């Protein structure tokens, strides 16, 4: 299965996305709350985070990269394109 098929549906379209390997630690949303958000749907047994807005500035891009680098589940991906 490709990474794009293994991502959460809540991710907005764009180069950053979070895969289903996310463990719900919320570190990404702490580092970059402008782009990452925790899914608080109570129906989920385990929460997860997702990209709710793609970075629009260089500062946001750097924070997305930092979140990706420190993600303990290696769940944040950058496909290198804007799709």
PDB file of N, CA and C in Angstrom:
ATOM      1  N   UNK A   1       0.845  -1.169   0.000  1.00  0.00           N
ATOM      2  CA  UNK A   1       0.000   0.000   0.000  1.00  0.00           C
ATOM      3  C   UNK A   1       0.892   1.235   0.000  1.00  0.00           C
ATOM      4  N   UNK A   2       0.562   2.231  -0.808  1.00  0.00           N
ATOM      5  CA  UNK A   2       1.377   3.433  -0.865  1.00  0.00           C
ATOM      6  C   UNK A   2       1.122   4.303   0.346  1.00  0.00           C
ATOM      7  N   UNK A   3       2.074   5.176   0.642  1.00  0.00           N
ATOM      8  CA  UNK A   3       1.933   6.083   1.775  1.00  0.00           C
ATOM      9  C   UNK A   3       0.685   6.940   1.641  1.00  0.00           C
ATOM     10  N   UNK A   4       0.357   7.370   0.422  1.00  0.00           N
ATOM     11  CA  UNK A   4      -0.809   8.227   0.229  1.00  0.00           C
ATOM     12  C   UNK A   4      -2.084   7.480   0.571  1.00  0.00           C
ATOM     13  N   UNK A   5      -2.121   6.170   0.398  1.00  0.00           N
ATOM     14  CA  UNK A   5      -3.302   5.389   0.752  1.00  0.00           C
ATOM     15  C   UNK A   5      -3.325   5.062   2.238  1.00  0.00           C
ATOM     16  N   UNK A   6      -2.210   5.239   2.910  1.00  0.00           N
ATOM     17  CA  UNK A   6      -2.091   4.913   4.322  1.00  0.00           C
ATOM     18  C   UNK A   6      -2.152   6.160   5.199  1.00  0.00           C
ATOM     19  N   UNK A   7      -2.729   7.226   4.678  1.00  0.00           N
ATOM     20  CA  UNK A   7      -2.816   8.453   5.454  1.00  0.00           C
ATOM     21  C   UNK A   7      -4.234   8.670   5.969  1.00  0.00           C
ATOM     22  N   UNK A   8      -4.359   9.536   6.958  1.00  0.00           N
ATOM     23  CA  UNK A   8      -5.676   9.866   7.494  1.00  0.00           C
ATOM     24  C   UNK A   8      -6.439  10.746   6.516  1.00  0.00           C
ATOM     25  N   UNK A   9      -7.726  10.489   6.379  1.00  0.00           N
ATOM     26  CA  UNK A   9      -8.579  11.248   5.463  1.00  0.00           C
ATOM     27  C   UNK A   9      -8.670  12.719   5.862  1.00  0.00           C
ATOM     28  N   UNK A  10      -8.429  13.029   7.129  1.00  0.00           N
ATOM     29  CA  UNK A  10      -8.535  14.413   7.600  1.00  0.00           C
ATOM     30  C   UNK A  10      -7.426  15.317   7.075  1.00  0.00           C
ATOM     31  N   UNK A  11      -6.321  14.752   6.613  1.00  0.00           N
ATOM     32  CA  UNK A  11      -5.230  15.570   6.071  1.00  0.00           C
ATOM     33  C   UNK A  11      -5.738  16.402   4.908  1.00  0.00           C
ATOM     34  N   UNK A  12      -5.391  17.700   4.895  1.00  0.00           N
ATOM     35  CA  UNK A  12      -5.727  18.519   3.734  1.00  0.00           C
ATOM     36  C   UNK A  12      -4.748  18.186   2.615  1.00  0.00           C
ATOM     37  N   UNK A  13      -5.168  18.426   1.397  1.00  0.00           N
ATOM     38  CA  UNK A  13      -4.303  18.148   0.250  1.00  0.00           C
ATOM     39  C   UNK A  13      -3.051  19.008   0.325  1.00  0.00           C
ATOM     40  N   UNK A  14      -1.941  18.428  -0.060  1.00  0.00           N
ATOM     41  CA  UNK A  14      -0.680  19.152  -0.068  1.00  0.00           C
ATOM     42  C   UNK A  14       0.476  18.217   0.209  1.00  0.00           C
ATOM     43  N   UNK A  15       1.663  18.789   0.308  1.00  0.00           N
ATOM     44  CA  UNK A  15       2.843  17.948   0.419  1.00  0.00           C
ATOM     45  C   UNK A  15       3.036  17.309   1.779  1.00  0.00           C
ATOM     46  N   UNK A  16       2.543  17.903   2.849  1.00  0.00           N
ATOM     47  CA  UNK A  16       2.657  17.287   4.171  1.00  0.00           C
ATOM     48  C   UNK A  16       1.403  16.485   4.483  1.00  0.00           C
ATOM     49  N   UNK A  17       1.599  15.321   5.092  1.00  0.00           N
ATOM     50  CA  UNK A  17       0.470  14.510   5.530  1.00  0.00           C
ATOM     51  C   UNK A  17       0.938  13.585   6.641  1.00  0.00           C
ATOM     52  N   UNK A  18      -0.017  13.067   7.395  1.00  0.00           N
ATOM     53  CA  UNK A  18       0.289  12.148   8.488  1.00  0.00           C
ATOM     54  C   UNK A  18      -0.291  10.788   8.150  1.00  0.00           C
ATOM     55  N   UNK A  19       0.547   9.766   8.301  1.00  0.00           N
ATOM     56  CA  UNK A  19       0.126   8.403   8.001  1.00  0.00           C
ATOM     57  C   UNK A  19      -0.538   7.769   9.220  1.00  0.00           C
ATOM     58  N   UNK A  20      -1.142   6.621   8.993  1.00  0.00           N
ATOM     59  CA  UNK A  20      -1.848   5.907  10.053  1.00  0.00           C
ATOM     60  C   UNK A  20      -0.912   5.267  11.067  1.00  0.00           C
ATOM     61  N   UNK A  21       0.384   5.471  10.922  1.00  0.00           N
ATOM     62  CA  UNK A  21       1.310   5.004  11.948  1.00  0.00           C
ATOM     63  C   UNK A  21       1.377   5.981  13.125  1.00  0.00           C
ATOM     64  N   UNK A  22       0.656   7.092  13.035  1.00  0.00           N
ATOM     65  CA  UNK A  22       0.600   8.093  14.113  1.00  0.00           C
ATOM     66  C   UNK A  22       0.120   7.429  15.405  1.00  0.00           C
ATOM     67  N   UNK A  23       0.818   7.725  16.500  1.00  0.00           N
ATOM     68  CA  UNK A  23       0.460   7.151  17.799  1.00  0.00           C
ATOM     69  C   UNK A  23      -0.320   8.136  18.669  1.00  0.00           C
ATOM     70  N   UNK A  24      -0.607   9.310  18.146  1.00  0.00           N
ATOM     71  CA  UNK A  24      -1.412  10.281  18.881  1.00  0.00           C
ATOM     72  C   UNK A  24      -0.673  10.992  19.993  1.00  0.00           C
ATOM     73  N   UNK A  25       0.626  11.131  19.898  1.00  0.00           N
ATOM     74  CA  UNK A  25       1.396  11.788  20.958  1.00  0.00           C
ATOM     75  C   UNK A  25       1.156  13.301  21.001  1.00  0.00           C
ATOM     76  N   UNK A  26       0.677  13.875  19.929  1.00  0.00           N
ATOM     77  CA  UNK A  26       0.355  15.304  19.748  1.00  0.00           C
ATOM     78  C   UNK A  26       1.573  16.215  19.738  1.00  0.00           C
ATOM     79  N   UNK A  27       2.771  15.662  19.672  1.00  0.00           N
ATOM     80  CA  UNK A  27       3.975  16.487  19.639  1.00  0.00           C
ATOM     81  C   UNK A  27       3.959  17.458  18.462  1.00  0.00           C
ATOM     82  N   UNK A  28       3.484  17.008  17.313  1.00  0.00           N
ATOM     83  CA  UNK A  28       3.450  17.881  16.133  1.00  0.00           C
ATOM     84  C   UNK A  28       2.546  19.088  16.358  1.00  0.00           C
ATOM     85  N   UNK A  29       1.401  18.880  16.999  1.00  0.00           N
ATOM     86  CA  UNK A  29       0.487  20.002  17.235  1.00  0.00           C
ATOM     87  C   UNK A  29       0.999  20.947  18.310  1.00  0.00           C
ATOM     88  N   UNK A  30       1.897  20.469  19.167  1.00  0.00           N
ATOM     89  CA  UNK A  30       2.546  21.339  20.153  1.00  0.00           C
ATOM     90  C   UNK A  30       3.615  22.181  19.456  1.00  0.00           C
ATOM     91  N   UNK A  31       4.395  21.552  18.593  1.00  0.00           N
ATOM     92  CA  UNK A  31       5.457  22.250  17.864  1.00  0.00           C
ATOM     93  C   UNK A  31       4.884  23.237  16.854  1.00  0.00           C
ATOM     94  N   UNK A  32       3.838  22.829  16.142  1.00  0.00           N
ATOM     95  CA  UNK A  32       3.300  23.642  15.053  1.00  0.00           C
ATOM     96  C   UNK A  32       1.768  23.612  15.061  1.00  0.00           C
ATOM     97  N   UNK A  33       1.142  24.320  16.003  1.00  0.00           N
ATOM     98  CA  UNK A  33      -0.323  24.312  16.077  1.00  0.00           C
ATOM     99  C   UNK A  33      -1.004  25.008  14.899  1.00  0.00           C
ATOM    100  N   UNK A  34      -0.254  25.745  14.102  1.00  0.00           N
ATOM    101  CA  UNK A  34      -0.847  26.407  12.937  1.00  0.00           C
ATOM    102  C   UNK A  34      -1.111  25.430  11.801  1.00  0.00           C
ATOM    103  N   UNK A  35      -0.480  24.257  11.829  1.00  0.00           N
ATOM    104  CA  UNK A  35      -0.614  23.316  10.726  1.00  0.00           C
ATOM    105  C   UNK A  35      -1.070  21.915  11.123  1.00  0.00           C
ATOM    106  N   UNK A  36      -0.839  21.533  12.365  1.00  0.00           N
ATOM    107  CA  UNK A  36      -1.218  20.197  12.825  1.00  0.00           C
ATOM    108  C   UNK A  36      -2.300  20.298  13.891  1.00  0.00           C
ATOM    109  N   UNK A  37      -3.210  19.330  13.873  1.00  0.00           N
ATOM    110  CA  UNK A  37      -4.291  19.325  14.845  1.00  0.00           C
ATOM    111  C   UNK A  37      -4.552  17.904  15.311  1.00  0.00           C
ATOM    112  N   UNK A  38      -4.935  17.792  16.573  1.00  0.00           N
ATOM    113  CA  UNK A  38      -5.300  16.491  17.121  1.00  0.00           C
ATOM    114  C   UNK A  38      -6.739  16.172  16.751  1.00  0.00           C
ATOM    115  N   UNK A  39      -6.972  14.926  16.349  1.00  0.00           N
ATOM    116  CA  UNK A  39      -8.329  14.459  16.086  1.00  0.00           C
ATOM    117  C   UNK A  39      -8.921  14.072  17.432  1.00  0.00           C
ATOM    118  N   UNK A  40      -9.968  14.752  17.830  1.00  0.00           N
ATOM    119  CA  UNK A  40     -10.578  14.500  19.136  1.00  0.00           C
ATOM    120  C   UNK A  40     -11.889  13.727  19.003  1.00  0.00           C
ATOM    121  N   UNK A  41     -12.070  13.042  17.894  1.00  0.00           N
ATOM    122  CA  UNK A  41     -13.269  12.235  17.680  1.00  0.00           C
ATOM    123  C   UNK A  41     -13.318  11.124  18.726  1.00  0.00           C
ATOM    124  N   UNK A  42     -14.310  11.161  19.582  1.00  0.00           N
ATOM    125  CA  UNK A  42     -14.403  10.187  20.671  1.00  0.00           C
ATOM    126  C   UNK A  42     -14.650   8.766  20.173  1.00  0.00           C
ATOM    127  N   UNK A  43     -15.081   8.603  18.931  1.00  0.00           N
ATOM    128  CA  UNK A  43     -15.327   7.264  18.392  1.00  0.00           C
ATOM    129  C   UNK A  43     -14.027   6.511  18.127  1.00  0.00           C
ATOM    130  N   UNK A  44     -12.933   7.245  18.042  1.00  0.00           N
ATOM    131  CA  UNK A  44     -11.634   6.597  17.803  1.00  0.00           C
ATOM    132  C   UNK A  44     -11.110   6.009  19.102  1.00  0.00           C
ATOM    133  N   UNK A  45     -10.636   4.797  19.029  1.00  0.00           N
ATOM    134  CA  UNK A  45     -10.057   4.164  20.225  1.00  0.00           C
ATOM    135  C   UNK A  45      -8.756   4.861  20.605  1.00  0.00           C
ATOM    136  N   UNK A  46      -7.969   5.234  19.616  1.00  0.00           N
ATOM    137  CA  UNK A  46      -6.714   5.947  19.830  1.00  0.00           C
ATOM    138  C   UNK A  46      -6.756   7.197  18.966  1.00  0.00           C
ATOM    139  N   UNK A  47      -6.454   8.319  19.550  1.00  0.00           N
ATOM    140  CA  UNK A  47      -6.456   9.560  18.798  1.00  0.00           C
ATOM    141  C   UNK A  47      -5.298   9.632  17.827  1.00  0.00           C
ATOM    142  N   UNK A  48      -5.379  10.567  16.945  1.00  0.00           N
ATOM    143  CA  UNK A  48      -4.302  10.801  15.996  1.00  0.00           C
ATOM    144  C   UNK A  48      -4.253  12.284  15.677  1.00  0.00           C
ATOM    145  N   UNK A  49      -3.203  12.689  15.023  1.00  0.00           N
ATOM    146  CA  UNK A  49      -3.094  14.057  14.540  1.00  0.00           C
ATOM    147  C   UNK A  49      -3.172  14.039  13.025  1.00  0.00           C
ATOM    148  N   UNK A  50      -3.395  15.208  12.465  1.00  0.00           N
ATOM    149  CA  UNK A  50      -3.476  15.333  11.015  1.00  0.00           C
ATOM    150  C   UNK A  50      -3.068  16.738  10.608  1.00  0.00           C
ATOM    151  N   UNK A  51      -2.758  16.908   9.332  1.00  0.00           N
ATOM    152  CA  UNK A  51      -2.409  18.221   8.795  1.00  0.00           C
ATOM    153  C   UNK A  51      -3.721  18.900   8.414  1.00  0.00           C
ATOM    154  N   UNK A  52      -4.064  19.981   9.112  1.00  0.00           N
ATOM    155  CA  UNK A  52      -5.309  20.662   8.796  1.00  0.00           C
ATOM    156  C   UNK A  52      -5.087  21.904   7.946  1.00  0.00           C
ATOM    157  N   UNK A  53      -3.808  22.334   7.817  1.00  0.00           N
ATOM    158  CA  UNK A  53      -3.467  23.456   6.948  1.00  0.00           C
ATOM    159  C   UNK A  53      -2.033  23.275   6.497  1.00  0.00           C
ATOM    160  N   UNK A  54      -1.805  23.408   5.210  1.00  0.00           N
ATOM    161  CA  UNK A  54      -0.443  23.329   4.680  1.00  0.00           C
ATOM    162  C   UNK A  54       0.288  24.633   5.003  1.00  0.00           C
ATOM    163  N   UNK A  55       1.608  24.571   5.170  1.00  0.00           N
ATOM    164  CA  UNK A  55       2.367  25.783   5.515  1.00  0.00           C
ATOM    165  C   UNK A  55       2.280  26.825   4.408  1.00  0.00           C
ATOM    166  N   UNK A  56       2.165  28.070   4.848  1.00  0.00           N
ATOM    167  CA  UNK A  56       2.059  29.189   3.902  1.00  0.00           C
ATOM    168  C   UNK A  56       3.260  30.117   3.951  1.00  0.00           C
ATOM    169  N   UNK A  57       4.070  29.982   4.981  1.00  0.00           N
ATOM    170  CA  UNK A  57       5.249  30.834   5.129  1.00  0.00           C
ATOM    171  C   UNK A  57       6.479  29.957   5.341  1.00  0.00           C
ATOM    172  N   UNK A  58       7.631  30.568   5.206  1.00  0.00           N
ATOM    173  CA  UNK A  58       8.871  29.831   5.441  1.00  0.00           C
ATOM    174  C   UNK A  58       8.955  29.371   6.898  1.00  0.00           C
ATOM    175  N   UNK A  59       8.480  30.200   7.820  1.00  0.00           N
ATOM    176  CA  UNK A  59       8.505  29.838   9.239  1.00  0.00           C
ATOM    177  C   UNK A  59       7.621  28.616   9.491  1.00  0.00           C
ATOM    178  N   UNK A  60       6.436  28.575   8.894  1.00  0.00           N
ATOM    179  CA  UNK A  60       5.559  27.418   9.050  1.00  0.00           C
ATOM    180  C   UNK A  60       6.177  26.179   8.416  1.00  0.00           C
ATOM    181  N   UNK A  61       6.826  26.345   7.290  1.00  0.00           N
ATOM    182  CA  UNK A  61       7.500  25.229   6.612  1.00  0.00           C
ATOM    183  C   UNK A  61       8.584  24.641   7.518  1.00  0.00           C
ATOM    184  N   UNK A  62       9.353  25.500   8.158  1.00  0.00           N
ATOM    185  CA  UNK A  62      10.406  25.036   9.062  1.00  0.00           C
ATOM    186  C   UNK A  62       9.819  24.291  10.261  1.00  0.00           C
ATOM    187  N   UNK A  63       8.695  24.761  10.776  1.00  0.00           N
ATOM    188  CA  UNK A  63       8.055  24.076  11.897  1.00  0.00           C
ATOM    189  C   UNK A  63       7.503  22.715  11.469  1.00  0.00           C
ATOM    190  N   UNK A  64       6.962  22.626  10.266  1.00  0.00           N
ATOM    191  CA  UNK A  64       6.496  21.332   9.752  1.00  0.00           C
ATOM    192  C   UNK A  64       7.666  20.365   9.642  1.00  0.00           C
ATOM    193  N   UNK A  65       8.783  20.846   9.158  1.00  0.00           N
ATOM    194  CA  UNK A  65       9.971  20.003   9.037  1.00  0.00           C
ATOM    195  C   UNK A  65      10.473  19.572  10.412  1.00  0.00           C
ATOM    196  N   UNK A  66      10.443  20.482  11.383  1.00  0.00           N
ATOM    197  CA  UNK A  66      10.866  20.128  12.740  1.00  0.00           C
ATOM    198  C   UNK A  66       9.949  19.053  13.325  1.00  0.00           C
ATOM    199  N   UNK A  67       8.638  19.233  13.153  1.00  0.00           N
ATOM    200  CA  UNK A  67       7.685  18.236  13.651  1.00  0.00           C
ATOM    201  C   UNK A  67       7.938  16.885  12.993  1.00  0.00           C
ATOM    202  N   UNK A  68       8.216  16.899  11.695  1.00  0.00           N
ATOM    203  CA  UNK A  68       8.487  15.667  10.975  1.00  0.00           C
ATOM    204  C   UNK A  68       9.752  14.991  11.510  1.00  0.00           C
ATOM    205  N   UNK A  69      10.771  15.783  11.798  1.00  0.00           N
ATOM    206  CA  UNK A  69      12.039  15.238  12.289  1.00  0.00           C
ATOM    207  C   UNK A  69      11.926  14.609  13.676  1.00  0.00           C
ATOM    208  N   UNK A  70      11.065  15.140  14.523  1.00  0.00           N
ATOM    209  CA  UNK A  70      10.985  14.637  15.898  1.00  0.00           C
ATOM    210  C   UNK A  70       9.828  13.667  16.126  1.00  0.00           C
ATOM    211  N   UNK A  71       9.014  13.422  15.134  1.00  0.00           N
ATOM    212  CA  UNK A  71       7.873  12.513  15.285  1.00  0.00           C
ATOM    213  C   UNK A  71       8.360  11.122  15.706  1.00  0.00           C
ATOM    214  N   UNK A  72       7.956  10.647  16.886  1.00  0.00           N
ATOM    215  CA  UNK A  72       8.458   9.356  17.360  1.00  0.00           C
ATOM    216  C   UNK A  72       7.952   8.164  16.549  1.00  0.00           C
ATOM    217  N   UNK A  73       6.865   8.338  15.807  1.00  0.00           N
ATOM    218  CA  UNK A  73       6.322   7.243  15.000  1.00  0.00           C
ATOM    219  C   UNK A  73       6.694   7.367  13.528  1.00  0.00           C
ATOM    220  N   UNK A  74       7.458   8.406  13.188  1.00  0.00           N
ATOM    221  CA  UNK A  74       7.826   8.655  11.796  1.00  0.00           C
ATOM    222  C   UNK A  74       6.579   8.693  10.914  1.00  0.00           C
ATOM    223  N   UNK A  75       5.522   9.342  11.419  1.00  0.00           N
ATOM    224  CA  UNK A  75       4.234   9.351  10.731  1.00  0.00           C
ATOM    225  C   UNK A  75       4.023  10.565   9.838  1.00  0.00           C
ATOM    226  N   UNK A  76       4.821  11.615  10.006  1.00  0.00           N
ATOM    227  CA  UNK A  76       4.667  12.833   9.207  1.00  0.00           C
ATOM    228  C   UNK A  76       5.520  12.694   7.964  1.00  0.00           C
ATOM    229  N   UNK A  77       4.905  12.928   6.836  1.00  0.00           N
ATOM    230  CA  UNK A  77       5.609  12.786   5.559  1.00  0.00           C
ATOM    231  C   UNK A  77       5.515  14.051   4.726  1.00  0.00           C
ATOM    232  N   UNK A  78       6.485  14.213   3.862  1.00  0.00           N
ATOM    233  CA  UNK A  78       6.541  15.307   2.905  1.00  0.00           C
ATOM    234  C   UNK A  78       6.761  14.646   1.549  1.00  0.00           C
ATOM    235  N   UNK A  79       5.751  14.733   0.675  1.00  0.00           N
ATOM    236  CA  UNK A  79       5.884  14.083  -0.623  1.00  0.00           C
ATOM    237  C   UNK A  79       6.607  14.942  -1.644  1.00  0.00           C
ATOM    238  N   UNK A  80       7.010  16.152  -1.234  1.00  0.00           N
ATOM    239  CA  UNK A  80       7.801  17.005  -2.102  1.00  0.00           C
ATOM    240  C   UNK A  80       7.032  17.756  -3.160  1.00  0.00           C
ATOM    241  N   UNK A  81       5.732  17.561  -3.216  1.00  0.00           N
ATOM    242  CA  UNK A  81       4.914  18.285  -4.185  1.00  0.00           C
ATOM    243  C   UNK A  81       3.792  18.996  -3.456  1.00  0.00           C
ATOM    244  N   UNK A  82       3.043  19.790  -4.162  1.00  0.00           N
ATOM    245  CA  UNK A  82       1.936  20.513  -3.532  1.00  0.00           C
ATOM    246  C   UNK A  82       0.630  19.759  -3.622  1.00  0.00           C
ATOM    247  N   UNK A  83       0.656  18.520  -4.125  1.00  0.00           N
ATOM    248  CA  UNK A  83      -0.571  17.718  -4.241  1.00  0.00           C
ATOM    249  C   UNK A  83      -0.667  16.702  -3.139  1.00  0.00           C
TER     250      UNK A  83
END
